[in-house]
């Protein structure tokens, strides 16, 4: 976390909700995450398997492309790097699509999914289970990119050997989404 905000951002303690593909809630026990595509070992993890990988905490500002930043947001979950290591990305795997249960997707370079400060498969927000509206029971948290990359209601991560556009990237948003470079639109 930095002491300042990216250009064009205003601080808030609220956590506004923006959703493209609302889905009905599920219990954690019904959660399934699949890792597939350009991997040596396809994975399917349920709630208990995911939690057994170990919980880590991350505190970081959360930046929305619409211009707000929720400062000092605390997440807990398992680092995505641990899960990807189990799936063993194939040589040449360079990008991923992260998918929600409703069909929303975000395109991410594989390097961003393993970059500091860390990317989490998060199940806790500010010390409590993530509310459904914010993506519970598990959402992707990519703290160094705009929030549209932090997919709610995560169900699948698909690796590719090339870039593949997700929902907002197909609609003119920037392919990477770095808030410090104001990478809002293509």
N, C-alpha and C. Protein backbone atom coordinates (compact mmCIF):
# COMPACT_ATOMS: atom_id res chain seq x y z
N UNK A 1 0.84 -1.18 0.00
CA UNK A 1 0.00 0.00 0.00
C UNK A 1 0.89 1.24 0.00
N UNK A 2 0.49 2.23 -0.80
CA UNK A 2 1.24 3.47 -0.85
C UNK A 2 0.49 4.53 -0.07
N UNK A 3 1.20 5.61 0.32
CA UNK A 3 0.57 6.69 1.07
C UNK A 3 -0.26 7.60 0.18
N UNK A 4 -0.10 7.49 -1.11
CA UNK A 4 -0.83 8.34 -2.04
C UNK A 4 -1.67 7.47 -2.96
N UNK A 5 -2.58 8.12 -3.65
CA UNK A 5 -3.44 7.40 -4.58
C UNK A 5 -2.99 7.62 -6.02
N UNK A 6 -3.36 6.72 -6.91
CA UNK A 6 -3.05 6.92 -8.32
C UNK A 6 -3.74 8.18 -8.85
N UNK A 7 -3.26 8.72 -9.96
CA UNK A 7 -3.89 9.91 -10.54
C UNK A 7 -5.36 9.63 -10.86
N UNK A 8 -6.20 10.63 -10.64
CA UNK A 8 -7.61 10.53 -10.99
C UNK A 8 -8.46 9.74 -10.01
N UNK A 9 -7.90 9.35 -8.85
CA UNK A 9 -8.63 8.56 -7.87
C UNK A 9 -8.95 9.39 -6.63
N UNK A 10 -10.11 9.14 -6.03
CA UNK A 10 -10.51 9.79 -4.79
C UNK A 10 -10.72 8.72 -3.72
N UNK A 11 -10.27 8.97 -2.48
CA UNK A 11 -10.39 7.95 -1.44
C UNK A 11 -11.82 7.80 -0.93
N UNK A 12 -12.17 6.59 -0.53
CA UNK A 12 -13.46 6.31 0.11
C UNK A 12 -13.30 5.14 1.06
N UNK A 13 -14.12 5.09 2.09
CA UNK A 13 -14.18 3.91 2.96
C UNK A 13 -15.38 3.05 2.58
N UNK A 14 -16.27 3.63 1.75
CA UNK A 14 -17.39 2.84 1.24
C UNK A 14 -16.83 1.83 0.25
N UNK A 15 -17.65 0.87 -0.15
CA UNK A 15 -17.23 -0.11 -1.16
C UNK A 15 -18.38 -0.24 -2.15
N UNK A 16 -18.45 0.71 -3.11
CA UNK A 16 -19.54 0.68 -4.08
C UNK A 16 -19.60 -0.65 -4.83
N UNK A 17 -20.80 -1.01 -5.26
CA UNK A 17 -21.00 -2.27 -5.99
C UNK A 17 -21.26 -2.00 -7.46
N UNK A 18 -20.47 -2.64 -8.32
CA UNK A 18 -20.69 -2.62 -9.76
C UNK A 18 -20.67 -4.07 -10.22
N UNK A 19 -21.69 -4.48 -10.94
CA UNK A 19 -21.79 -5.87 -11.36
C UNK A 19 -22.35 -5.96 -12.77
N UNK A 20 -21.68 -6.74 -13.59
CA UNK A 20 -22.13 -7.00 -14.95
C UNK A 20 -23.05 -8.22 -14.98
N UNK A 21 -22.73 -9.22 -14.20
CA UNK A 21 -23.41 -10.52 -14.28
C UNK A 21 -23.85 -11.02 -12.91
N UNK A 22 -24.88 -10.41 -12.32
CA UNK A 22 -25.29 -10.87 -10.99
C UNK A 22 -25.66 -12.35 -11.02
N UNK A 23 -25.29 -13.04 -9.97
CA UNK A 23 -25.57 -14.47 -9.85
C UNK A 23 -26.17 -14.72 -8.47
N UNK A 24 -26.94 -15.80 -8.32
CA UNK A 24 -27.48 -16.10 -6.99
C UNK A 24 -26.37 -16.57 -6.05
N UNK A 25 -26.54 -16.34 -4.77
CA UNK A 25 -25.54 -16.79 -3.80
C UNK A 25 -25.43 -18.31 -3.77
N UNK A 26 -24.23 -18.79 -3.39
CA UNK A 26 -24.03 -20.21 -3.11
C UNK A 26 -23.33 -20.32 -1.76
N UNK A 27 -23.50 -21.45 -1.14
CA UNK A 27 -22.80 -21.72 0.11
C UNK A 27 -21.34 -22.07 -0.21
N UNK A 28 -20.41 -21.79 0.70
CA UNK A 28 -19.01 -22.15 0.44
C UNK A 28 -18.83 -23.62 0.05
N UNK A 29 -19.60 -24.52 0.65
CA UNK A 29 -19.45 -25.93 0.33
C UNK A 29 -19.77 -26.27 -1.12
N UNK A 30 -20.51 -25.41 -1.82
CA UNK A 30 -20.84 -25.63 -3.23
C UNK A 30 -19.81 -25.00 -4.17
N UNK A 31 -18.87 -24.26 -3.62
CA UNK A 31 -17.85 -23.58 -4.44
C UNK A 31 -16.94 -24.59 -5.14
N UNK A 32 -16.66 -24.34 -6.42
CA UNK A 32 -15.69 -25.12 -7.19
C UNK A 32 -14.86 -24.15 -8.02
N UNK A 33 -13.55 -24.36 -8.06
CA UNK A 33 -12.65 -23.57 -8.90
C UNK A 33 -11.90 -24.52 -9.81
N UNK A 34 -11.95 -24.23 -11.10
CA UNK A 34 -11.21 -25.03 -12.08
C UNK A 34 -10.06 -24.20 -12.64
N UNK A 35 -8.91 -24.84 -12.76
CA UNK A 35 -7.74 -24.25 -13.42
C UNK A 35 -7.48 -25.14 -14.63
N UNK A 36 -7.52 -24.56 -15.82
CA UNK A 36 -7.39 -25.37 -17.02
C UNK A 36 -6.74 -24.58 -18.14
N UNK A 37 -6.63 -25.19 -19.29
CA UNK A 37 -6.00 -24.55 -20.44
C UNK A 37 -4.55 -24.98 -20.55
N UNK A 38 -3.66 -24.02 -20.71
CA UNK A 38 -2.24 -24.31 -20.91
C UNK A 38 -1.55 -24.64 -19.58
N UNK A 39 -1.99 -25.76 -18.98
CA UNK A 39 -1.41 -26.26 -17.73
C UNK A 39 -1.09 -27.73 -17.89
N UNK A 40 -0.12 -28.20 -17.14
CA UNK A 40 0.22 -29.63 -17.15
C UNK A 40 -0.81 -30.46 -16.39
N UNK A 41 -1.34 -29.89 -15.29
CA UNK A 41 -2.28 -30.62 -14.45
C UNK A 41 -3.53 -29.78 -14.24
N UNK A 42 -4.62 -30.14 -14.92
CA UNK A 42 -5.90 -29.46 -14.69
C UNK A 42 -6.31 -29.69 -13.24
N UNK A 43 -6.84 -28.65 -12.62
CA UNK A 43 -7.26 -28.75 -11.23
C UNK A 43 -8.74 -28.42 -11.09
N UNK A 44 -9.35 -29.05 -10.12
CA UNK A 44 -10.66 -28.63 -9.66
C UNK A 44 -10.61 -28.70 -8.14
N UNK A 45 -10.79 -27.54 -7.53
CA UNK A 45 -10.70 -27.43 -6.07
C UNK A 45 -12.03 -27.00 -5.50
N UNK A 46 -12.45 -27.69 -4.44
CA UNK A 46 -13.62 -27.27 -3.69
C UNK A 46 -13.18 -26.37 -2.55
N UNK A 47 -14.16 -25.90 -1.81
CA UNK A 47 -13.92 -24.98 -0.70
C UNK A 47 -12.89 -25.52 0.28
N UNK A 48 -13.09 -26.73 0.77
CA UNK A 48 -12.18 -27.29 1.79
C UNK A 48 -10.77 -27.46 1.25
N UNK A 49 -10.65 -27.87 0.00
CA UNK A 49 -9.32 -28.04 -0.60
C UNK A 49 -8.61 -26.70 -0.74
N UNK A 50 -9.36 -25.67 -1.11
CA UNK A 50 -8.78 -24.34 -1.26
C UNK A 50 -8.32 -23.80 0.09
N UNK A 51 -9.17 -23.87 1.10
CA UNK A 51 -8.83 -23.36 2.42
C UNK A 51 -7.64 -24.13 3.01
N UNK A 52 -7.53 -25.42 2.71
CA UNK A 52 -6.43 -26.23 3.24
C UNK A 52 -5.07 -25.79 2.72
N UNK A 53 -5.05 -25.01 1.64
CA UNK A 53 -3.77 -24.54 1.09
C UNK A 53 -3.14 -23.46 1.97
N UNK A 54 -3.89 -22.93 2.92
CA UNK A 54 -3.34 -21.94 3.85
C UNK A 54 -3.79 -20.54 3.55
N UNK A 55 -4.14 -19.83 4.61
CA UNK A 55 -4.63 -18.46 4.48
C UNK A 55 -3.51 -17.46 4.66
N UNK A 56 -3.52 -16.45 3.83
CA UNK A 56 -2.61 -15.31 3.97
C UNK A 56 -3.43 -14.04 3.92
N UNK A 57 -2.90 -12.98 4.50
CA UNK A 57 -3.59 -11.69 4.52
C UNK A 57 -2.88 -10.71 3.60
N UNK A 58 -3.67 -9.79 3.07
CA UNK A 58 -3.15 -8.74 2.20
C UNK A 58 -3.92 -7.47 2.52
N UNK A 59 -3.22 -6.37 2.75
CA UNK A 59 -3.87 -5.07 2.90
C UNK A 59 -3.37 -4.17 1.79
N UNK A 60 -4.30 -3.64 1.03
CA UNK A 60 -3.93 -2.84 -0.13
C UNK A 60 -5.11 -1.96 -0.51
N UNK A 61 -4.86 -0.84 -1.15
CA UNK A 61 -5.94 -0.02 -1.68
C UNK A 61 -6.57 -0.74 -2.87
N UNK A 62 -7.88 -0.57 -3.02
CA UNK A 62 -8.63 -1.18 -4.12
C UNK A 62 -9.09 -0.04 -5.03
N UNK A 63 -8.66 -0.04 -6.29
CA UNK A 63 -8.90 1.07 -7.20
C UNK A 63 -9.93 0.71 -8.26
N UNK A 64 -10.98 1.52 -8.37
CA UNK A 64 -11.99 1.32 -9.40
C UNK A 64 -11.71 2.25 -10.58
N UNK A 65 -11.93 1.75 -11.76
CA UNK A 65 -11.71 2.53 -12.98
C UNK A 65 -12.61 3.76 -13.03
N UNK A 66 -13.71 3.77 -12.26
CA UNK A 66 -14.61 4.92 -12.25
C UNK A 66 -14.10 6.08 -11.40
N UNK A 67 -12.97 5.88 -10.70
CA UNK A 67 -12.31 6.99 -10.02
C UNK A 67 -12.30 6.97 -8.50
N UNK A 68 -12.78 5.91 -7.88
CA UNK A 68 -12.68 5.83 -6.42
C UNK A 68 -11.67 4.77 -6.03
N UNK A 69 -11.10 4.96 -4.86
CA UNK A 69 -10.17 4.00 -4.27
C UNK A 69 -10.58 3.74 -2.84
N UNK A 70 -10.81 2.48 -2.52
CA UNK A 70 -11.11 2.11 -1.13
C UNK A 70 -9.76 1.82 -0.47
N UNK A 71 -9.39 2.68 0.44
CA UNK A 71 -8.06 2.60 1.03
C UNK A 71 -8.00 1.52 2.10
N UNK A 72 -6.80 0.99 2.29
CA UNK A 72 -6.49 0.02 3.36
C UNK A 72 -7.52 -1.12 3.43
N UNK A 73 -7.80 -1.73 2.31
CA UNK A 73 -8.74 -2.84 2.26
C UNK A 73 -8.00 -4.13 2.63
N UNK A 74 -8.58 -4.87 3.58
CA UNK A 74 -7.94 -6.10 4.08
C UNK A 74 -8.63 -7.33 3.50
N UNK A 75 -7.85 -8.18 2.88
CA UNK A 75 -8.34 -9.43 2.30
C UNK A 75 -7.60 -10.60 2.93
N UNK A 76 -8.28 -11.73 3.03
CA UNK A 76 -7.62 -12.97 3.42
C UNK A 76 -8.04 -14.04 2.41
N UNK A 77 -7.08 -14.92 2.11
CA UNK A 77 -7.34 -16.01 1.19
C UNK A 77 -6.04 -16.73 0.88
N UNK A 78 -6.05 -17.50 -0.16
CA UNK A 78 -4.86 -18.25 -0.55
C UNK A 78 -4.22 -17.54 -1.76
N UNK A 79 -2.90 -17.41 -1.77
CA UNK A 79 -2.24 -16.81 -2.92
C UNK A 79 -2.50 -17.63 -4.18
N UNK A 80 -2.89 -16.97 -5.23
CA UNK A 80 -3.12 -17.66 -6.49
C UNK A 80 -1.86 -18.36 -6.97
N UNK A 81 -0.70 -17.82 -6.67
CA UNK A 81 0.57 -18.45 -7.09
C UNK A 81 0.67 -19.89 -6.58
N UNK A 82 0.16 -20.16 -5.37
CA UNK A 82 0.18 -21.53 -4.83
C UNK A 82 -0.66 -22.47 -5.68
N UNK A 83 -1.81 -22.01 -6.10
CA UNK A 83 -2.70 -22.83 -6.91
C UNK A 83 -2.11 -23.03 -8.30
N UNK A 84 -1.59 -21.96 -8.88
CA UNK A 84 -0.98 -22.08 -10.21
C UNK A 84 0.23 -23.02 -10.19
N UNK A 85 0.99 -23.00 -9.11
CA UNK A 85 2.15 -23.91 -9.00
C UNK A 85 1.68 -25.37 -9.03
N UNK A 86 0.54 -25.66 -8.43
CA UNK A 86 0.01 -27.02 -8.46
C UNK A 86 -0.46 -27.41 -9.86
N UNK A 87 -0.97 -26.44 -10.61
CA UNK A 87 -1.45 -26.71 -11.98
C UNK A 87 -0.29 -26.78 -12.98
N UNK A 88 0.83 -26.20 -12.64
CA UNK A 88 2.04 -26.18 -13.47
C UNK A 88 1.77 -25.63 -14.88
N UNK A 89 1.77 -24.29 -15.01
CA UNK A 89 1.58 -23.70 -16.33
C UNK A 89 2.59 -24.25 -17.34
N UNK A 90 2.12 -24.51 -18.54
CA UNK A 90 2.99 -25.02 -19.60
C UNK A 90 3.94 -23.93 -20.07
N UNK A 91 5.11 -24.34 -20.59
CA UNK A 91 6.02 -23.34 -21.17
C UNK A 91 5.27 -22.54 -22.23
N UNK A 92 5.47 -21.26 -22.21
CA UNK A 92 4.81 -20.38 -23.18
C UNK A 92 3.48 -19.84 -22.70
N UNK A 93 2.92 -20.37 -21.60
CA UNK A 93 1.67 -19.81 -21.07
C UNK A 93 1.95 -18.38 -20.63
N UNK A 94 1.18 -17.44 -21.15
CA UNK A 94 1.47 -16.03 -20.90
C UNK A 94 0.27 -15.23 -20.41
N UNK A 95 -0.94 -15.73 -20.60
CA UNK A 95 -2.14 -14.97 -20.25
C UNK A 95 -3.20 -15.89 -19.65
N UNK A 96 -4.18 -15.25 -19.03
CA UNK A 96 -5.28 -16.01 -18.44
C UNK A 96 -6.58 -15.24 -18.61
N UNK A 97 -7.65 -15.99 -18.62
CA UNK A 97 -8.98 -15.42 -18.45
C UNK A 97 -9.49 -15.92 -17.10
N UNK A 98 -9.91 -15.02 -16.26
CA UNK A 98 -10.55 -15.38 -14.99
C UNK A 98 -12.05 -15.23 -15.23
N UNK A 99 -12.82 -16.26 -14.86
CA UNK A 99 -14.25 -16.32 -15.15
C UNK A 99 -15.09 -16.30 -13.89
N UNK A 100 -16.22 -15.61 -13.94
CA UNK A 100 -17.19 -15.65 -12.86
C UNK A 100 -18.24 -16.72 -13.16
N UNK A 101 -19.04 -17.06 -12.16
CA UNK A 101 -20.12 -18.02 -12.36
C UNK A 101 -21.15 -17.53 -13.37
N UNK A 102 -21.27 -16.23 -13.54
CA UNK A 102 -22.24 -15.68 -14.48
C UNK A 102 -21.75 -15.53 -15.90
N UNK A 103 -20.47 -15.81 -16.14
CA UNK A 103 -19.91 -15.71 -17.48
C UNK A 103 -19.05 -14.49 -17.74
N UNK A 104 -18.95 -13.58 -16.78
CA UNK A 104 -18.04 -12.44 -16.91
C UNK A 104 -16.61 -12.95 -16.92
N UNK A 105 -15.74 -12.30 -17.69
CA UNK A 105 -14.32 -12.69 -17.70
C UNK A 105 -13.44 -11.46 -17.73
N UNK A 106 -12.24 -11.61 -17.21
CA UNK A 106 -11.22 -10.56 -17.27
C UNK A 106 -9.93 -11.18 -17.77
N UNK A 107 -9.29 -10.48 -18.68
CA UNK A 107 -8.02 -10.92 -19.25
C UNK A 107 -6.87 -10.40 -18.40
N UNK A 108 -5.93 -11.29 -18.11
CA UNK A 108 -4.78 -10.90 -17.27
C UNK A 108 -3.51 -11.55 -17.78
N UNK A 109 -2.42 -10.78 -17.88
CA UNK A 109 -1.13 -11.41 -18.14
C UNK A 109 -0.77 -12.32 -16.97
N UNK A 110 -0.23 -13.47 -17.25
CA UNK A 110 0.17 -14.41 -16.20
C UNK A 110 1.15 -13.74 -15.23
N UNK A 111 2.00 -12.87 -15.74
CA UNK A 111 2.95 -12.17 -14.87
C UNK A 111 2.23 -11.33 -13.81
N UNK A 112 1.07 -10.77 -14.13
CA UNK A 112 0.32 -9.99 -13.15
C UNK A 112 -0.34 -10.89 -12.11
N UNK A 113 -0.62 -12.13 -12.46
CA UNK A 113 -1.25 -13.04 -11.50
C UNK A 113 -0.27 -13.57 -10.47
N UNK A 114 1.00 -13.40 -10.72
CA UNK A 114 2.02 -13.89 -9.78
C UNK A 114 2.90 -12.75 -9.26
N UNK A 115 2.53 -11.50 -9.54
CA UNK A 115 3.35 -10.34 -9.17
C UNK A 115 3.09 -9.88 -7.74
N UNK A 116 4.10 -9.25 -7.10
CA UNK A 116 3.87 -8.62 -5.81
C UNK A 116 2.87 -7.47 -6.00
N UNK A 117 2.07 -7.10 -5.05
CA UNK A 117 2.10 -7.52 -3.66
C UNK A 117 1.44 -8.88 -3.41
N UNK A 118 1.01 -9.52 -4.45
CA UNK A 118 0.35 -10.81 -4.31
C UNK A 118 -1.07 -10.75 -4.80
N UNK A 119 -1.49 -11.81 -5.43
CA UNK A 119 -2.86 -11.95 -5.92
C UNK A 119 -3.51 -13.05 -5.10
N UNK A 120 -4.69 -12.78 -4.58
CA UNK A 120 -5.36 -13.74 -3.71
C UNK A 120 -6.63 -14.30 -4.34
N UNK A 121 -6.90 -15.54 -3.97
CA UNK A 121 -8.23 -16.12 -4.10
C UNK A 121 -8.83 -15.85 -2.72
N UNK A 122 -9.57 -14.75 -2.61
CA UNK A 122 -9.96 -14.24 -1.30
C UNK A 122 -11.35 -14.72 -0.89
N UNK A 123 -11.45 -15.02 0.42
CA UNK A 123 -12.74 -15.40 1.00
C UNK A 123 -13.11 -14.51 2.17
N UNK A 124 -12.25 -13.57 2.52
CA UNK A 124 -12.52 -12.68 3.64
C UNK A 124 -12.20 -11.24 3.26
N UNK A 125 -13.07 -10.33 3.67
CA UNK A 125 -12.93 -8.90 3.42
C UNK A 125 -13.05 -8.18 4.75
N UNK A 126 -12.01 -7.48 5.14
CA UNK A 126 -11.99 -6.73 6.40
C UNK A 126 -12.40 -7.59 7.60
N UNK A 127 -11.92 -8.83 7.62
CA UNK A 127 -12.10 -9.71 8.77
C UNK A 127 -13.39 -10.51 8.79
N UNK A 128 -14.20 -10.43 7.76
CA UNK A 128 -15.46 -11.19 7.70
C UNK A 128 -15.56 -11.88 6.34
N UNK A 129 -16.38 -12.93 6.24
CA UNK A 129 -16.57 -13.55 4.93
C UNK A 129 -17.00 -12.51 3.89
N UNK A 130 -16.50 -12.64 2.69
CA UNK A 130 -16.86 -11.68 1.64
C UNK A 130 -18.36 -11.77 1.39
N UNK A 131 -19.07 -10.64 1.49
CA UNK A 131 -20.51 -10.66 1.19
C UNK A 131 -20.74 -11.07 -0.27
N UNK A 132 -21.89 -11.66 -0.50
CA UNK A 132 -22.21 -12.10 -1.85
C UNK A 132 -22.05 -10.97 -2.88
N UNK A 133 -22.56 -9.78 -2.56
CA UNK A 133 -22.48 -8.66 -3.50
C UNK A 133 -21.07 -8.28 -3.91
N UNK A 134 -20.11 -8.59 -3.07
CA UNK A 134 -18.71 -8.30 -3.37
C UNK A 134 -17.96 -9.52 -3.88
N UNK A 135 -18.70 -10.59 -4.22
CA UNK A 135 -18.06 -11.72 -4.88
C UNK A 135 -17.93 -12.99 -4.07
N UNK A 136 -18.48 -13.03 -2.86
CA UNK A 136 -18.36 -14.22 -2.03
C UNK A 136 -19.08 -15.41 -2.62
N UNK A 137 -18.62 -16.60 -2.33
CA UNK A 137 -17.70 -16.91 -1.26
C UNK A 137 -16.22 -16.71 -1.61
N UNK A 138 -15.86 -16.69 -2.92
CA UNK A 138 -14.45 -16.51 -3.30
C UNK A 138 -14.39 -15.59 -4.51
N UNK A 139 -13.51 -14.60 -4.42
CA UNK A 139 -13.26 -13.72 -5.56
C UNK A 139 -11.76 -13.61 -5.78
N UNK A 140 -11.39 -13.25 -6.97
CA UNK A 140 -10.00 -12.96 -7.30
C UNK A 140 -9.71 -11.53 -6.85
N UNK A 141 -8.56 -11.31 -6.25
CA UNK A 141 -8.14 -9.95 -5.86
C UNK A 141 -6.77 -9.70 -6.47
N UNK A 142 -6.74 -8.78 -7.43
CA UNK A 142 -5.50 -8.37 -8.11
C UNK A 142 -5.28 -6.92 -7.71
N UNK A 143 -4.64 -6.68 -6.55
CA UNK A 143 -4.64 -5.35 -5.94
C UNK A 143 -3.91 -4.27 -6.72
N UNK A 144 -2.98 -4.63 -7.58
CA UNK A 144 -2.20 -3.62 -8.29
C UNK A 144 -2.84 -3.19 -9.61
N UNK A 145 -4.01 -3.75 -9.96
CA UNK A 145 -4.72 -3.36 -11.17
C UNK A 145 -6.12 -2.85 -10.81
N UNK A 146 -6.77 -2.18 -11.75
CA UNK A 146 -8.13 -1.72 -11.51
C UNK A 146 -9.04 -2.88 -11.14
N UNK A 147 -10.09 -2.58 -10.40
CA UNK A 147 -10.98 -3.58 -9.84
C UNK A 147 -11.68 -4.48 -10.84
N UNK A 148 -11.85 -4.08 -12.10
CA UNK A 148 -12.54 -4.97 -13.04
C UNK A 148 -11.73 -6.24 -13.30
N UNK A 149 -10.47 -6.24 -12.93
CA UNK A 149 -9.63 -7.44 -13.07
C UNK A 149 -9.81 -8.41 -11.89
N UNK A 150 -10.39 -7.93 -10.79
CA UNK A 150 -10.59 -8.74 -9.58
C UNK A 150 -11.97 -9.41 -9.65
N UNK A 151 -12.06 -10.48 -10.38
CA UNK A 151 -13.32 -11.11 -10.74
C UNK A 151 -14.08 -11.63 -9.52
N UNK A 152 -15.34 -11.22 -9.43
CA UNK A 152 -16.24 -11.73 -8.38
C UNK A 152 -16.73 -13.12 -8.76
N UNK A 153 -17.19 -13.86 -7.75
CA UNK A 153 -17.83 -15.18 -7.94
C UNK A 153 -16.97 -16.08 -8.83
N UNK A 154 -15.68 -16.10 -8.53
CA UNK A 154 -14.71 -16.82 -9.35
C UNK A 154 -15.05 -18.30 -9.47
N UNK A 155 -14.96 -18.82 -10.68
CA UNK A 155 -15.23 -20.23 -10.91
C UNK A 155 -14.18 -20.92 -11.76
N UNK A 156 -13.44 -20.14 -12.56
CA UNK A 156 -12.49 -20.77 -13.48
C UNK A 156 -11.38 -19.80 -13.84
N UNK A 157 -10.15 -20.33 -13.96
CA UNK A 157 -9.02 -19.58 -14.51
C UNK A 157 -8.46 -20.43 -15.64
N UNK A 158 -8.47 -19.85 -16.80
CA UNK A 158 -8.07 -20.55 -18.02
C UNK A 158 -6.80 -19.91 -18.55
N UNK A 159 -5.72 -20.70 -18.67
CA UNK A 159 -4.45 -20.19 -19.15
C UNK A 159 -4.31 -20.38 -20.66
N UNK A 160 -3.64 -19.41 -21.28
CA UNK A 160 -3.43 -19.40 -22.73
C UNK A 160 -1.98 -19.07 -23.06
N UNK A 161 -1.59 -19.39 -24.27
CA UNK A 161 -0.26 -19.04 -24.77
C UNK A 161 -0.29 -17.74 -25.57
N UNK A 162 -1.41 -17.04 -25.50
CA UNK A 162 -1.58 -15.76 -26.18
C UNK A 162 -2.58 -14.93 -25.38
N UNK A 163 -2.64 -13.66 -25.68
CA UNK A 163 -3.62 -12.81 -25.02
C UNK A 163 -5.02 -13.08 -25.58
N UNK A 164 -6.00 -13.16 -24.71
CA UNK A 164 -7.39 -13.34 -25.07
C UNK A 164 -8.18 -12.28 -24.32
N UNK A 165 -9.04 -11.54 -25.01
CA UNK A 165 -9.77 -10.45 -24.37
C UNK A 165 -10.91 -10.97 -23.50
N UNK A 166 -11.13 -10.28 -22.39
CA UNK A 166 -12.25 -10.55 -21.51
C UNK A 166 -13.37 -9.56 -21.79
N UNK A 167 -14.38 -9.55 -20.92
CA UNK A 167 -15.59 -8.75 -21.10
C UNK A 167 -15.29 -7.28 -21.38
N UNK A 168 -14.59 -6.60 -20.46
CA UNK A 168 -14.35 -5.17 -20.64
C UNK A 168 -13.28 -4.88 -21.69
N UNK A 169 -12.33 -5.76 -21.84
CA UNK A 169 -11.29 -5.55 -22.87
C UNK A 169 -11.93 -5.56 -24.26
N UNK A 170 -12.94 -6.41 -24.47
CA UNK A 170 -13.66 -6.44 -25.75
C UNK A 170 -14.45 -5.16 -25.98
N UNK A 171 -14.71 -4.41 -24.93
CA UNK A 171 -15.53 -3.21 -25.02
C UNK A 171 -14.69 -1.93 -24.93
N UNK A 172 -13.38 -2.05 -25.17
CA UNK A 172 -12.53 -0.87 -25.26
C UNK A 172 -11.74 -0.50 -24.04
N UNK A 173 -11.87 -1.25 -22.95
CA UNK A 173 -11.04 -0.97 -21.78
C UNK A 173 -9.61 -1.40 -22.07
N UNK A 174 -8.69 -0.82 -21.33
CA UNK A 174 -7.28 -1.13 -21.50
C UNK A 174 -7.02 -2.61 -21.25
N UNK A 175 -6.08 -3.17 -21.92
CA UNK A 175 -5.79 -4.60 -21.75
C UNK A 175 -5.17 -4.93 -20.41
N UNK A 176 -4.43 -3.99 -19.82
CA UNK A 176 -3.78 -4.31 -18.54
C UNK A 176 -4.50 -3.69 -17.36
N UNK A 177 -4.72 -2.36 -17.36
CA UNK A 177 -5.48 -1.73 -16.29
C UNK A 177 -4.66 -1.29 -15.08
N UNK A 178 -3.48 -0.74 -15.29
CA UNK A 178 -2.64 -0.25 -14.19
C UNK A 178 -3.13 1.14 -13.75
N UNK A 179 -3.62 1.28 -12.51
CA UNK A 179 -4.13 2.58 -12.07
C UNK A 179 -3.05 3.67 -11.98
N UNK A 180 -1.83 3.31 -11.74
CA UNK A 180 -0.76 4.30 -11.63
C UNK A 180 -0.41 4.89 -12.98
N UNK A 181 -0.76 4.20 -14.05
CA UNK A 181 -0.54 4.71 -15.42
C UNK A 181 -1.85 5.18 -16.05
N UNK A 182 -2.93 5.17 -15.26
CA UNK A 182 -4.28 5.52 -15.72
C UNK A 182 -4.66 4.73 -16.98
N UNK A 183 -4.39 3.44 -16.96
CA UNK A 183 -4.70 2.59 -18.09
C UNK A 183 -6.18 2.18 -18.02
N UNK A 184 -7.03 3.16 -18.28
CA UNK A 184 -8.47 2.94 -18.17
C UNK A 184 -9.05 2.39 -19.47
N UNK A 185 -8.76 3.02 -20.55
CA UNK A 185 -9.37 2.64 -21.82
C UNK A 185 -8.28 2.43 -22.87
N UNK A 186 -8.58 1.53 -23.82
CA UNK A 186 -7.64 1.09 -24.84
C UNK A 186 -6.89 2.13 -25.55
